[in-house]
Amino acid sequence: MNFNLGWQNFEQEVNQADDKISLAKAGLFYAQSEYPNLDIEKYLNILSAMADDINQKLPAERYPLKVVNTINDYLFTDLGYQGNSENYYDTRNSFLNDVIDRRTGIPITLSVIYLEIAQRINFPMTGIGMPGHFLISPDFEESGIFVDVFNQGEILFKEDCLAKLEQLYQKSVKLEPHFLAKVSNRQILARMLTNLKYIYLSSNQLFKSLQIISGILTLFPDNPRELRDRGLIYYQLDRPQQAYQDLECYLAILPNAEDATIIRKLLEKRL
């Protein structure tokens, strides 16, 4: 299988209304760039089987906290899923097939598995894009609870989220409302891809970085920072026409960006 097929499938999956996007399918499709022979249906079936197992364990009265505790017991006690704190930047933490196989991941990918299971048991949950540490929450009016999937499904309240933020940033933090706001499926996928982008850039894997950035731009075509970064990678790869196009778009959107002068100097050379 040509790895480009995965990105074609990814583009097709995300090219629909946000609430129709399957996070599992989209995540597995981009994983095909790393695993060209990936069996998508196998992993979708695993998620469905997990949901079936949980359905059998659920109490008759599905109060949010009871459902969350049932999912937690199954995922973290029965199956042994865990956050990979020892090797957080292992690329395998960002591919859903690896996370399912290894039962190990980072907050965003473990959360996607949790969200996909919740959807299959008809229990509405949503992603919460807290800075530095992704959470999920039952999607009910004023549910008031958050779930930290990276830490064995730890149940948090707003005060706990603030304490976690202060621990992350090692300073006093004001809990802004948008810190605990719901995020869209596209935002979740972009966050997953952004993790991979920085891992690949840190190891100077430019071609893989280019693929990932293009994936982010499939989700958000006018994202200026991604256009700039893709243009700079094109420049490094000696692809001047594509570099020029992306960098021109970047300056058109952010003409007064801090690095605008540097970018303009590159463009003056006509690359």
Protein backbone atom coordinates (compact mmCIF):
# COMPACT_ATOMS: atom_id res chain seq x y z
CA MET A 1 0.00 0.00 0.00
CA ASN A 2 1.25 3.45 -0.89
CA PHE A 3 1.60 5.50 2.29
CA ASN A 4 -0.01 8.43 0.44
CA LEU A 5 -3.26 6.48 0.45
CA GLY A 6 -3.40 6.99 4.21
CA TRP A 7 -3.26 10.77 3.81
CA GLN A 8 -5.86 10.62 1.04
CA ASN A 9 -8.15 8.68 3.36
CA PHE A 10 -7.39 11.14 6.16
CA GLU A 11 -8.36 14.07 3.95
CA GLN A 12 -11.60 12.36 2.94
CA GLU A 13 -12.46 11.58 6.57
CA VAL A 14 -11.95 15.12 7.83
CA ASN A 15 -13.66 16.73 4.84
CA GLN A 16 -17.07 16.55 6.48
CA ALA A 17 -18.97 18.11 9.36
CA ASP A 18 -16.85 18.05 12.51
CA ASP A 19 -19.27 15.90 14.49
CA LYS A 20 -19.22 13.29 11.72
CA ILE A 21 -15.45 12.85 11.83
CA SER A 22 -14.29 9.57 13.34
CA LEU A 23 -11.24 10.28 15.48
CA ALA A 24 -10.26 6.63 15.35
CA LYS A 25 -10.44 6.39 11.57
CA ALA A 26 -8.62 9.68 11.03
CA GLY A 27 -5.92 8.72 13.54
CA LEU A 28 -5.43 5.31 11.96
CA PHE A 29 -5.40 6.79 8.46
CA TYR A 30 -2.48 9.10 9.25
CA ALA A 31 -0.73 6.17 10.92
CA GLN A 32 -0.63 4.54 7.50
CA SER A 33 2.14 6.96 6.60
CA GLU A 34 4.27 5.09 9.13
CA TYR A 35 2.67 1.65 8.70
CA PRO A 36 1.64 1.26 5.04
CA ASN A 37 0.04 -2.16 5.58
CA LEU A 38 -1.97 -1.14 8.62
CA ASP A 39 -5.27 -3.02 8.94
CA ILE A 40 -7.69 -0.22 9.82
CA GLU A 41 -10.70 -2.47 10.36
CA LYS A 42 -8.78 -4.64 12.83
CA TYR A 43 -8.28 -1.71 15.21
CA LEU A 44 -11.80 -0.34 14.75
CA ASN A 45 -13.09 -3.79 15.66
CA ILE A 46 -10.88 -3.86 18.76
CA LEU A 47 -12.41 -0.58 19.92
CA SER A 48 -15.90 -1.94 19.29
CA ALA A 49 -15.12 -5.13 21.21
CA MET A 50 -13.86 -3.07 24.14
CA ALA A 51 -17.09 -1.07 24.12
CA ASP A 52 -19.11 -4.30 24.06
CA ASP A 53 -17.21 -5.57 27.11
CA ILE A 54 -17.87 -2.33 28.98
CA ASN A 55 -21.55 -2.38 28.06
CA GLN A 56 -21.87 -5.71 29.84
CA LYS A 57 -20.29 -4.25 32.98
CA LEU A 58 -22.34 -1.07 33.15
CA PRO A 59 -24.95 -0.66 35.90
CA ALA A 60 -28.61 -0.31 34.97
CA GLU A 61 -28.61 3.36 35.97
CA ARG A 62 -25.96 5.12 33.93
CA TYR A 63 -25.02 8.06 36.09
CA PRO A 64 -21.96 9.84 34.63
CA LEU A 65 -19.66 9.03 37.54
CA LYS A 66 -20.66 5.36 37.51
CA VAL A 67 -20.03 5.09 33.77
CA VAL A 68 -16.64 6.80 34.07
CA ASN A 69 -15.63 4.48 36.91
CA THR A 70 -16.71 1.43 34.91
CA ILE A 71 -14.66 2.51 31.88
CA ASN A 72 -11.71 3.32 34.15
CA ASP A 73 -11.80 -0.10 35.82
CA TYR A 74 -11.91 -1.86 32.47
CA LEU A 75 -9.22 0.18 30.69
CA PHE A 76 -6.73 0.69 33.49
CA THR A 77 -7.27 -2.30 35.78
CA ASP A 78 -8.49 -5.08 33.49
CA LEU A 79 -6.50 -4.12 30.37
CA GLY A 80 -3.63 -2.23 31.99
CA TYR A 81 -3.61 0.89 29.84
CA GLN A 82 -1.19 3.50 31.13
CA GLY A 83 0.45 6.80 30.36
CA ASN A 84 3.99 6.58 29.03
CA SER A 85 5.75 8.93 31.42
CA GLU A 86 9.12 7.23 30.93
CA ASN A 87 9.35 7.79 27.18
CA TYR A 88 6.81 10.51 26.51
CA TYR A 89 8.26 11.52 23.13
CA ASP A 90 8.33 8.04 21.61
CA THR A 91 6.53 8.40 18.26
CA ARG A 92 4.58 5.23 19.01
CA ASN A 93 2.65 7.18 21.64
CA SER A 94 1.10 9.20 18.80
CA PHE A 95 -0.09 6.32 16.61
CA LEU A 96 -3.39 4.78 17.70
CA ASN A 97 -2.49 1.29 16.50
CA ASP A 98 0.65 1.34 18.64
CA VAL A 99 -1.22 2.73 21.64
CA ILE A 100 -3.80 -0.06 21.35
CA ASP A 101 -1.16 -2.77 20.84
CA ARG A 102 1.11 -1.54 23.64
CA ARG A 103 -1.66 -0.21 25.90
CA THR A 104 0.55 2.81 26.45
CA GLY A 105 0.27 6.37 25.22
CA ILE A 106 0.16 10.07 25.94
CA PRO A 107 -2.86 12.11 27.13
CA ILE A 108 -4.23 12.92 23.68
CA THR A 109 -4.09 9.41 22.19
CA LEU A 110 -5.32 7.67 25.33
CA SER A 111 -8.15 10.20 25.41
CA VAL A 112 -9.10 9.42 21.82
CA ILE A 113 -9.42 5.73 22.69
CA TYR A 114 -11.56 6.66 25.69
CA LEU A 115 -13.73 9.01 23.60
CA GLU A 116 -14.21 6.37 20.91
CA ILE A 117 -15.31 3.81 23.50
CA ALA A 118 -17.67 6.32 25.11
CA GLN A 119 -19.23 7.08 21.73
CA ARG A 120 -19.81 3.37 21.10
CA ILE A 121 -21.69 2.96 24.40
CA ASN A 122 -23.73 6.12 23.72
CA PHE A 123 -22.16 8.05 26.59
CA PRO A 124 -21.44 11.61 25.39
CA MET A 125 -17.93 12.81 26.21
CA THR A 126 -15.86 15.65 24.86
CA GLY A 127 -12.22 16.66 24.65
CA ILE A 128 -10.94 19.44 26.91
CA GLY A 129 -7.93 21.27 25.53
CA MET A 130 -6.28 22.25 28.78
CA PRO A 131 -2.83 23.74 28.08
CA GLY A 132 -0.07 21.20 28.45
CA HIS A 133 -2.30 18.32 29.48
CA PHE A 134 -5.30 17.06 27.52
CA LEU A 135 -8.40 16.01 29.47
CA ILE A 136 -11.87 14.72 28.66
CA SER A 137 -15.24 15.31 30.29
CA PRO A 138 -18.77 13.88 30.22
CA ASP A 139 -20.66 16.09 27.79
CA PHE A 140 -23.59 16.90 30.03
CA GLU A 141 -24.71 20.32 31.22
CA GLU A 142 -22.67 21.23 34.29
CA SER A 143 -21.26 17.73 34.76
CA GLY A 144 -18.45 19.41 36.67
CA ILE A 145 -15.97 16.55 36.35
CA PHE A 146 -12.92 16.00 34.18
CA VAL A 147 -11.06 12.78 33.47
CA ASP A 148 -7.27 12.58 33.26
CA VAL A 149 -6.79 9.52 31.08
CA PHE A 150 -3.00 9.76 31.29
CA ASN A 151 -3.21 9.23 35.04
CA GLN A 152 -5.38 6.11 35.16
CA GLY A 153 -8.62 8.01 34.59
CA GLU A 154 -8.18 10.25 37.63
CA ILE A 155 -11.36 12.26 38.23
CA LEU A 156 -10.77 15.99 38.60
CA PHE A 157 -12.80 19.05 39.52
CA LYS A 158 -11.97 22.61 38.46
CA GLU A 159 -9.81 23.14 41.53
CA ASP A 160 -7.82 20.01 40.68
CA CYS A 161 -7.29 21.23 37.13
CA LEU A 162 -5.89 24.49 38.46
CA ALA A 163 -3.53 22.59 40.77
CA LYS A 164 -2.39 20.46 37.82
CA LEU A 165 -1.72 23.55 35.71
CA GLU A 166 0.32 25.13 38.51
CA GLN A 167 2.28 21.91 38.85
CA LEU A 168 2.97 21.87 35.10
CA TYR A 169 4.07 25.50 34.93
CA GLN A 170 5.67 25.65 38.38
CA LYS A 171 4.00 28.96 39.18
CA SER A 172 0.68 30.46 40.22
CA VAL A 173 -1.83 30.32 37.36
CA LYS A 174 -5.22 31.95 36.87
CA LEU A 175 -7.74 29.42 35.60
CA GLU A 176 -9.05 31.12 32.47
CA PRO A 177 -12.42 29.79 31.18
CA HIS A 178 -10.94 28.79 27.82
CA PHE A 179 -8.44 26.48 29.57
CA LEU A 180 -11.29 24.03 30.20
CA ALA A 181 -13.26 24.66 27.01
CA LYS A 182 -14.48 21.88 24.75
CA VAL A 183 -12.45 21.26 21.61
CA SER A 184 -13.60 20.06 18.22
CA ASN A 185 -12.58 16.82 16.53
CA ARG A 186 -10.41 18.80 14.13
CA GLN A 187 -8.64 20.46 17.06
CA ILE A 188 -8.02 17.08 18.67
CA LEU A 189 -6.51 15.68 15.47
CA ALA A 190 -4.38 18.80 15.00
CA ARG A 191 -3.06 18.42 18.55
CA MET A 192 -2.19 14.77 17.87
CA LEU A 193 -0.36 15.71 14.68
CA THR A 194 1.41 18.65 16.32
CA ASN A 195 2.97 16.28 18.85
CA LEU A 196 4.39 14.22 15.99
CA LYS A 197 5.51 17.31 14.12
CA TYR A 198 7.76 18.47 16.95
CA ILE A 199 9.15 14.99 17.53
CA TYR A 200 10.11 14.72 13.87
CA LEU A 201 11.52 18.25 13.74
CA SER A 202 13.64 17.61 16.84
CA SER A 203 15.23 14.64 15.07
CA ASN A 204 15.53 16.53 11.75
CA GLN A 205 13.19 14.15 9.90
CA LEU A 206 12.14 16.78 7.39
CA PHE A 207 10.10 14.64 5.00
CA LYS A 208 8.03 13.20 7.82
CA SER A 209 7.62 16.66 9.34
CA LEU A 210 6.41 17.90 5.96
CA GLN A 211 3.75 15.19 5.77
CA ILE A 212 2.51 15.94 9.28
CA ILE A 213 2.32 19.70 8.70
CA SER A 214 0.40 19.12 5.48
CA GLY A 215 -1.99 16.98 7.52
CA ILE A 216 -2.51 19.83 9.98
CA LEU A 217 -3.14 22.19 7.06
CA THR A 218 -5.74 19.76 5.74
CA LEU A 219 -7.59 20.41 8.99
CA PHE A 220 -6.88 24.16 9.15
CA PRO A 221 -5.79 25.38 5.70
CA ASP A 222 -5.13 28.98 6.73
CA ASN A 223 -3.08 28.31 9.86
CA PRO A 224 -0.25 30.83 9.39
CA ARG A 225 2.31 29.15 11.65
CA GLU A 226 1.94 25.84 9.85
CA LEU A 227 2.21 27.56 6.46
CA ARG A 228 5.41 29.24 7.63
CA ASP A 229 6.88 26.03 9.00
CA ARG A 230 6.03 24.08 5.87
CA GLY A 231 7.52 26.84 3.74
CA LEU A 232 10.76 26.77 5.72
CA ILE A 233 10.99 22.99 5.35
CA TYR A 234 10.41 23.31 1.61
CA TYR A 235 13.24 25.85 1.63
CA GLN A 236 15.55 23.40 3.41
CA LEU A 237 14.57 20.67 0.95
CA ASP A 238 15.39 22.96 -1.99
CA ARG A 239 11.83 23.19 -3.26
CA PRO A 240 11.76 26.96 -3.90
CA GLN A 241 8.42 27.33 -5.65
CA GLN A 242 6.50 25.60 -2.90
CA ALA A 243 8.49 27.43 -0.22
CA TYR A 244 7.78 30.78 -1.83
CA GLN A 245 4.05 30.09 -2.04
CA ASP A 246 3.71 29.10 1.62
CA LEU A 247 5.85 31.94 2.94
CA GLU A 248 3.97 34.50 0.86
CA CYS A 249 0.70 33.19 2.32
CA TYR A 250 2.14 33.42 5.81
CA LEU A 251 3.06 37.09 5.38
CA ALA A 252 -0.30 37.86 3.78
CA ILE A 253 -2.03 36.56 6.91
CA LEU A 254 0.47 37.91 9.48
CA PRO A 255 2.27 40.85 7.84
CA ASN A 256 3.49 42.14 11.22
CA ALA A 257 4.68 38.81 12.63
CA GLU A 258 7.81 38.94 14.78
CA ASP A 259 9.77 37.02 12.15
CA ALA A 260 8.27 38.86 9.17
CA THR A 261 11.52 40.69 8.40
CA ILE A 262 13.49 37.44 8.26
CA ILE A 263 10.88 35.78 6.05
CA ARG A 264 10.84 38.77 3.69
CA LYS A 265 14.62 38.58 3.32
CA LEU A 266 14.27 34.96 2.26
CA LEU A 267 11.60 35.91 -0.25
CA GLU A 268 13.73 38.75 -1.63
CA LYS A 269 16.27 36.14 -2.65
CA ARG A 270 13.41 34.58 -4.63
CA LEU A 271 14.54 31.40 -2.89
